[in-house]
Structures are given as structure tokens and as C-alpha cells.
Amino acid sequence: MNDPRELLILRHAKSAWDTPAETDFDRPLNGRGKRDAPRIGDWLHDQGLSPDHVVASPARRARQTARRVCRPLGFDLDAIDWQPRIYLSSLPTLLDVLAACPATAQRVLLVGHNPGLEELLEYLGGTSLGPPPGGKRLPTATIARLALPDDWCRLGSGCGQVLAWVRPRDLVAE
């Protein structure tokens, strides 16, 4: 295939720390997170950026984020690929997750956690990143859109071009 790919890297929305969740894995979204995730989904919809494939961490806050983002896109929630290895993952693991994406997927949405997602963004984006907006590369519910080469299995350092970087606070609430 010779068509470029796009990767949408999305950090989960803001989670609640004051909950009876027994583990970090089980922490849910807080009120802001529940509002921010659909804003990102609406933005993706308005930009015509529906993913062909969604792969996400099964941690509760990432599951809630992925579902809230996918609803406005009309993406089948049962088709989300829940990958346990995304939780607390490192760069090599995330590259393996991307390498396992269907070869036919032109645009993939990856929903997960820091610091792994920031590490992936810095690796793929290389010099196209520039300074992070607001001082952090991926605050909660921030999405980075990257153009990538045509093979999910061959993603080298600096191979991506950042096309957009959007935080919920950048979007006007309607």
C-alpha cells in the first residue's frame, strides 16, 4: 500500500481521584473528563476524521474516554480493540500495538495513558513537534493527529508529521 496513514493519539480524559476505586486501573472519569471526551469526538466528526480502527487501554478512564469520543463519530463501540498492554505501556509496546493494527486501516485512534503516549508522540513526531502547547505534550483529553508512512509495522523515529494538536479547552463549547 502506498497511501499515508494517520494516527490519532488521545490521552484519556480527566479522571477522578476521590472515588472508592480500589486500584488506579479502576479510576473513572470525573465531571470534566465526561464533558471533555465528547468534545474531542465532536471535533473529530466536524473535521471528517473518523477512524477505521480504534485501539484503547481497558483501564476504566480510558474505556469511558474511548466510548465518549467514538459515539459522535458513529463508530461501533463493540469494534473497539481493548488492549491490556496499553495500560502502563512503554514505547516498544505501543509500537507493537500499532504494528498489530489492520493493514487496511488508514486512520487509527489510539487511546491510552502518559507517559507512554507522550513518549510515542515524541518518537514519531520528532522535529515536527515543536514546543508543547501549554507546557505539556498530552494533558488529559488532548489529541495529536499525525501523518505516518504507509505501513503500521515500520514506524521509525521521526517518521511522522504532526498535523494537529487539540485540547478540549481549545474547542468552543456549544
Protein backbone atom coordinates (compact mmCIF):
# COMPACT_ATOMS: atom_id res chain seq x y z
CA MET A 1 0.00 0.00 0.00
CA ASN A 2 1.22 3.47 -0.79
CA ASP A 3 -1.35 5.61 0.98
CA PRO A 4 -0.16 7.53 4.03
CA ARG A 5 -1.66 6.63 7.37
CA GLU A 6 -2.94 8.83 10.14
CA LEU A 7 -2.60 8.19 13.82
CA LEU A 8 -4.78 9.95 16.35
CA ILE A 9 -3.08 9.74 19.76
CA LEU A 10 -5.53 10.51 22.56
CA ARG A 11 -4.76 10.62 26.24
CA HIS A 12 -7.72 9.62 28.41
CA ALA A 13 -9.84 12.45 29.78
CA LYS A 14 -9.55 13.79 33.34
CA SER A 15 -10.04 11.09 35.94
CA ALA A 16 -11.43 11.23 39.45
CA TRP A 17 -9.06 10.71 42.34
CA ASP A 18 -11.67 10.96 45.10
CA THR A 19 -13.50 7.72 44.35
CA PRO A 20 -13.76 4.38 46.10
CA ALA A 21 -11.89 2.77 43.16
CA GLU A 22 -9.65 0.08 44.59
CA THR A 23 -6.88 0.48 42.01
CA ASP A 24 -5.52 3.05 39.59
CA PHE A 25 -6.83 0.85 36.76
CA ASP A 26 -10.39 1.27 38.09
CA ARG A 27 -10.41 5.08 38.43
CA PRO A 28 -13.34 6.62 36.47
CA LEU A 29 -13.61 9.94 34.69
CA ASN A 30 -14.57 12.97 36.71
CA GLY A 31 -17.16 15.53 35.60
CA ARG A 32 -14.69 17.49 33.47
CA GLY A 33 -13.50 14.30 31.80
CA LYS A 34 -17.07 13.30 30.99
CA ARG A 35 -17.57 16.70 29.30
CA ASP A 36 -14.20 16.86 27.51
CA ALA A 37 -14.19 13.45 25.81
CA PRO A 38 -17.33 14.09 23.70
CA ARG A 39 -15.91 17.49 22.70
CA ILE A 40 -12.96 15.70 21.13
CA GLY A 41 -15.34 13.27 19.42
CA ASP A 42 -17.38 16.18 18.07
CA TRP A 43 -14.22 17.88 16.80
CA LEU A 44 -13.11 14.69 15.04
CA HIS A 45 -16.58 14.37 13.49
CA ASP A 46 -16.61 18.01 12.36
CA GLN A 47 -13.17 17.57 10.78
CA GLY A 48 -14.21 14.37 8.98
CA LEU A 49 -11.61 12.37 10.92
CA SER A 50 -13.44 9.16 11.74
CA PRO A 51 -11.03 6.31 12.49
CA ASP A 52 -11.07 2.99 10.67
CA HIS A 53 -9.74 1.26 13.78
CA VAL A 54 -9.80 2.16 17.47
CA VAL A 55 -7.43 0.56 19.93
CA ALA A 56 -7.60 1.51 23.59
CA SER A 57 -6.50 0.69 27.08
CA PRO A 58 -9.16 -1.19 29.05
CA ALA A 59 -8.49 0.91 32.17
CA ARG A 60 -11.83 2.36 33.24
CA ARG A 61 -11.00 6.02 32.46
CA ALA A 62 -9.62 5.09 29.02
CA ARG A 63 -12.67 2.91 28.25
CA GLN A 64 -15.00 5.74 29.23
CA THR A 65 -12.98 8.20 27.12
CA ALA A 66 -12.90 5.97 24.05
CA ARG A 67 -16.64 5.35 24.18
CA ARG A 68 -17.47 9.04 24.66
CA VAL A 69 -15.20 10.02 21.76
CA CYS A 70 -16.48 7.29 19.44
CA ARG A 71 -20.21 7.94 19.93
CA PRO A 72 -20.35 11.23 17.96
CA LEU A 73 -18.35 9.52 15.21
CA GLY A 74 -20.87 6.70 14.86
CA PHE A 75 -18.04 4.22 15.47
CA ASP A 76 -19.30 0.81 16.58
CA LEU A 77 -18.40 0.63 20.27
CA ASP A 78 -18.27 -3.17 20.07
CA ALA A 79 -15.49 -2.85 17.48
CA ILE A 80 -13.10 -1.06 19.84
CA ASP A 81 -9.97 -3.18 20.29
CA TRP A 82 -9.31 -3.22 24.05
CA GLN A 83 -5.60 -3.93 24.54
CA PRO A 84 -4.48 -4.51 28.16
CA ARG A 85 -0.85 -3.95 27.21
CA ILE A 86 -1.56 -0.25 26.52
CA TYR A 87 -2.04 0.35 30.26
CA LEU A 88 1.32 1.43 31.75
CA SER A 89 2.97 0.76 28.38
CA SER A 90 6.33 1.86 27.08
CA LEU A 91 7.32 2.95 23.58
CA PRO A 92 8.22 -0.56 22.31
CA THR A 93 4.87 -1.93 23.48
CA LEU A 94 2.92 0.89 21.82
CA LEU A 95 4.83 0.33 18.57
CA ASP A 96 3.88 -3.36 18.80
CA VAL A 97 0.22 -2.40 19.35
CA LEU A 98 0.33 -0.21 16.23
CA ALA A 99 2.09 -2.92 14.22
CA ALA A 100 -0.86 -5.21 15.02
CA CYS A 101 -3.38 -2.77 13.52
CA PRO A 102 -5.13 -3.97 10.37
CA ALA A 103 -3.12 -3.19 7.24
CA THR A 104 -6.32 -1.78 5.72
CA ALA A 105 -6.75 0.83 8.48
CA GLN A 106 -5.89 4.26 7.10
CA ARG A 107 -6.68 6.15 10.31
CA VAL A 108 -6.21 4.68 13.79
CA LEU A 109 -7.32 6.18 17.09
CA LEU A 110 -5.10 5.11 20.00
CA VAL A 111 -6.48 5.87 23.48
CA GLY A 112 -4.18 5.44 26.43
CA HIS A 113 -2.04 6.95 29.15
CA ASN A 114 1.03 9.02 29.87
CA PRO A 115 3.95 8.76 29.97
CA GLY A 116 3.80 6.13 27.21
CA LEU A 117 1.70 8.20 24.80
CA GLU A 118 3.98 11.23 25.17
CA GLU A 119 6.97 9.01 24.52
CA LEU A 120 5.28 7.65 21.37
CA LEU A 121 4.37 11.15 20.20
CA GLU A 122 7.93 12.41 20.69
CA TYR A 123 9.37 9.35 18.93
CA LEU A 124 7.08 9.54 15.90
CA GLY A 125 6.81 13.33 15.69
CA GLY A 126 10.49 14.07 16.03
CA THR A 127 11.34 17.61 14.96
CA SER A 128 7.79 18.28 13.71
CA LEU A 129 6.58 18.55 17.32
CA GLY A 130 7.88 21.97 18.22
CA PRO A 131 7.24 23.25 21.73
CA PRO A 132 4.31 21.66 23.53
CA PRO A 133 1.21 23.84 23.75
CA GLY A 134 0.66 24.95 27.31
CA GLY A 135 3.84 23.27 28.54
CA LYS A 136 2.59 19.66 28.41
CA ARG A 137 2.58 17.47 25.33
CA LEU A 138 -0.55 15.48 26.20
CA PRO A 139 -2.66 16.86 29.02
CA THR A 140 -5.84 14.89 29.65
CA ALA A 141 -8.21 14.54 26.66
CA THR A 142 -5.65 16.05 24.28
CA ILE A 143 -5.40 14.56 20.82
CA ALA A 144 -2.46 14.69 18.45
CA ARG A 145 -3.03 13.93 14.76
CA LEU A 146 -0.02 12.60 12.87
CA ALA A 147 0.58 11.68 9.24
CA LEU A 148 2.63 8.48 9.06
CA PRO A 149 4.18 6.23 6.44
CA ASP A 150 2.06 3.59 4.75
CA ASP A 151 2.97 0.63 6.97
CA TRP A 152 1.93 0.26 10.62
CA CYS A 153 4.80 -2.20 11.06
CA ARG A 154 7.52 0.25 10.03
CA LEU A 155 7.26 3.30 12.23
CA GLY A 156 10.70 4.79 12.78
CA SER A 157 11.89 7.70 14.83
CA GLY A 158 10.75 11.00 13.36
CA CYS A 159 8.70 9.36 10.60
CA GLY A 160 5.54 11.29 11.47
CA GLN A 161 4.35 14.79 10.76
CA VAL A 162 2.13 16.49 13.32
CA LEU A 163 -0.98 17.77 11.53
CA ALA A 164 -2.98 18.98 14.53
CA TRP A 165 -2.85 19.17 18.29
CA VAL A 166 -6.15 19.81 20.06
CA ARG A 167 -7.07 20.19 23.71
CA PRO A 168 -10.69 20.36 24.87
CA ARG A 169 -10.16 23.88 26.18
CA ASP A 170 -9.20 24.93 22.63
CA LEU A 171 -12.69 23.99 21.48
CA VAL A 172 -15.64 26.27 21.95
CA ALA A 173 -18.36 24.60 23.95
CA GLU A 174 -21.72 24.87 22.26
